[in-house]
C-alpha atoms as a PDB file:
ATOM      1  CA  MET A   1     -25.015 -57.911 -23.692  1.00  0.00           C
ATOM      2  CA  ILE A   2     -28.009 -56.931 -21.604  1.00  0.00           C
ATOM      3  CA  VAL A   3     -29.854 -60.138 -22.432  1.00  0.00           C
ATOM      4  CA  GLY A   4     -26.692 -62.188 -21.849  1.00  0.00           C
ATOM      5  CA  GLY A   5     -26.136 -60.683 -18.396  1.00  0.00           C
ATOM      6  CA  VAL A   6     -29.736 -61.186 -17.323  1.00  0.00           C
ATOM      7  CA  GLY A   7     -29.726 -64.684 -18.806  1.00  0.00           C
ATOM      8  CA  ALA A   8     -26.572 -65.590 -16.890  1.00  0.00           C
ATOM      9  CA  ALA A   9     -28.124 -64.253 -13.680  1.00  0.00           C
ATOM     10  CA  ILE A  10     -31.253 -66.328 -14.239  1.00  0.00           C
ATOM     11  CA  TRP A  11     -29.125 -69.388 -14.991  1.00  0.00           C
ATOM     12  CA  LEU A  12     -27.137 -68.934 -11.795  1.00  0.00           C
ATOM     13  CA  LEU A  13     -30.330 -68.638  -9.778  1.00  0.00           C
ATOM     14  CA  ALA A  14     -32.045 -71.570 -11.515  1.00  0.00           C
ATOM     15  CA  THR A  15     -29.131 -73.962 -11.027  1.00  0.00           C
ATOM     16  CA  GLY A  16     -28.517 -72.939  -7.428  1.00  0.00           C
ATOM     17  CA  GLN A  17     -24.987 -71.716  -8.092  1.00  0.00           C
ATOM     18  CA  ALA A  18     -25.878 -68.257  -6.785  1.00  0.00           C
ATOM     19  CA  GLY A  19     -25.930 -69.736  -3.284  1.00  0.00           C
ATOM     20  CA  THR A  20     -22.154 -70.087  -3.184  1.00  0.00           C
ATOM     21  CA  VAL A  21     -19.683 -67.244  -2.705  1.00  0.00           C
ATOM     22  CA  ASP A  22     -18.331 -67.643  -6.230  1.00  0.00           C
ATOM     23  CA  GLY A  23     -21.821 -67.856  -7.671  1.00  0.00           C
ATOM     24  CA  LEU A  24     -22.904 -64.744  -5.804  1.00  0.00           C
ATOM     25  CA  PHE A  25     -19.918 -62.872  -7.217  1.00  0.00           C
ATOM     26  CA  LEU A  26     -20.797 -64.069 -10.722  1.00  0.00           C
ATOM     27  CA  LEU A  27     -24.433 -63.095 -10.198  1.00  0.00           C
ATOM     28  CA  LEU A  28     -23.544 -59.575  -9.087  1.00  0.00           C
ATOM     29  CA  THR A  29     -21.051 -59.178 -11.934  1.00  0.00           C
ATOM     30  CA  ALA A  30     -23.602 -60.313 -14.529  1.00  0.00           C
ATOM     31  CA  LEU A  31     -26.253 -57.954 -13.160  1.00  0.00           C
ATOM     32  CA  LEU A  32     -23.783 -55.077 -12.989  1.00  0.00           C
ATOM     33  CA  LEU A  33     -22.784 -55.555 -16.631  1.00  0.00           C
ATOM     34  CA  ALA A  34     -26.419 -55.807 -17.714  1.00  0.00           C
ATOM     35  CA  GLY A  35     -27.267 -52.635 -15.784  1.00  0.00           C
ATOM     36  CA  ALA A  36     -24.325 -50.691 -17.178  1.00  0.00           C
ATOM     37  CA  PHE A  37     -25.169 -51.597 -20.763  1.00  0.00           C
ATOM     38  CA  ALA A  38     -28.852 -50.826 -20.158  1.00  0.00           C
ATOM     39  CA  LEU A  39     -27.946 -47.340 -18.939  1.00  0.00           C
ATOM     40  CA  TYR A  40     -25.705 -46.862 -21.972  1.00  0.00           C
ATOM     41  CA  VAL A  41     -28.468 -47.896 -24.358  1.00  0.00           C
ATOM     42  CA  MET A  42     -30.963 -45.572 -22.644  1.00  0.00           C
ATOM     43  CA  PHE A  43     -28.465 -42.688 -22.910  1.00  0.00           C
ATOM     44  CA  MET A  44     -27.858 -43.355 -26.604  1.00  0.00           C
ATOM     45  CA  ILE A  45     -31.598 -43.550 -27.365  1.00  0.00           C
ATOM     46  CA  ARG A  46     -32.270 -40.291 -25.498  1.00  0.00           C
ATOM     47  CA  ARG A  47     -29.372 -38.594 -27.301  1.00  0.00           C
ATOM     48  CA  ALA A  48     -30.664 -39.758 -30.685  1.00  0.00           C
ATOM     49  CA  MET A  49     -34.161 -38.520 -29.868  1.00  0.00           C
ATOM     50  CA  GLU A  50     -32.784 -35.083 -28.933  1.00  0.00           C
ATOM     51  CA  ALA A  51     -30.868 -34.875 -32.215  1.00  0.00           C
ATOM     52  CA  VAL A  52     -33.993 -35.694 -34.217  1.00  0.00           C
ATOM     53  CA  SER A  53     -36.261 -33.252 -32.382  1.00  0.00           C
ATOM     54  CA  LYS A  54     -33.792 -30.328 -32.498  1.00  0.00           C
ATOM     55  CA  PRO A  55     -34.964 -27.695 -35.025  1.00  0.00           C
ATOM     56  CA  VAL A  56     -32.640 -26.840 -37.887  1.00  0.00           C
ATOM     57  CA  PRO A  57     -31.351 -23.246 -37.554  1.00  0.00           C
ATOM     58  CA  GLN A  58     -32.281 -21.082 -40.497  1.00  0.00           C
ATOM     59  CA  ALA A  59     -29.659 -18.947 -42.223  1.00  0.00           C
ATOM     60  CA  ALA A  60     -29.878 -15.177 -41.867  1.00  0.00           C
ATOM     61  CA  LYS A  61     -31.180 -13.152 -44.770  1.00  0.00           C
ATOM     62  CA  ALA A  62     -28.518 -12.496 -47.415  1.00  0.00           C
ATOM     63  CA  GLY A  63     -29.283  -8.778 -47.680  1.00  0.00           C
ATOM     64  CA  ALA A  64     -28.924  -8.103 -43.951  1.00  0.00           C
ATOM     65  CA  GLY A  65     -25.724 -10.100 -43.660  1.00  0.00           C
ATOM     66  CA  ALA A  66     -24.079  -8.426 -46.649  1.00  0.00           C
ATOM     67  CA  ALA A  67     -24.846  -4.925 -45.348  1.00  0.00           C
ATOM     68  CA  ALA A  68     -23.422  -5.701 -41.934  1.00  0.00           C
ATOM     69  CA  LYS A  69     -20.192  -7.132 -43.335  1.00  0.00           C
ATOM     70  CA  ALA A  70     -19.448  -4.279 -45.771  1.00  0.00           C
ATOM     71  CA  PRO A  71     -16.257  -2.390 -44.830  1.00  0.00           C
ATOM     72  CA  ALA A  72     -16.464   1.202 -43.749  1.00  0.00           C
ATOM     73  CA  ALA A  73     -15.487   3.861 -46.265  1.00  0.00           C
ATOM     74  CA  VAL A  74     -11.963   5.235 -45.807  1.00  0.00           C
ATOM     75  CA  THR A  75     -11.413   8.984 -46.278  1.00  0.00           C
ATOM     76  CA  GLN A  76      -8.259  11.031 -46.032  1.00  0.00           C
ATOM     77  CA  ALA A  77      -8.262  14.522 -44.635  1.00  0.00           C
END
């Protein structure tokens, strides 16, 4: 989509159609679509890089977790 939008913009400029009002509208629309998809791709790449570089959290020790979760002793007076 990015390449298609930039290609359409180049085509409009090369053929001289960008000089008309309709051509200018098409040129701006093609560049806007290419820019929006480029931003989306950059966001997705950055998000994927963050997911890869994030360290995996290690589980707590089993002995410490079991002692903390044990119920308190119940006594009757």
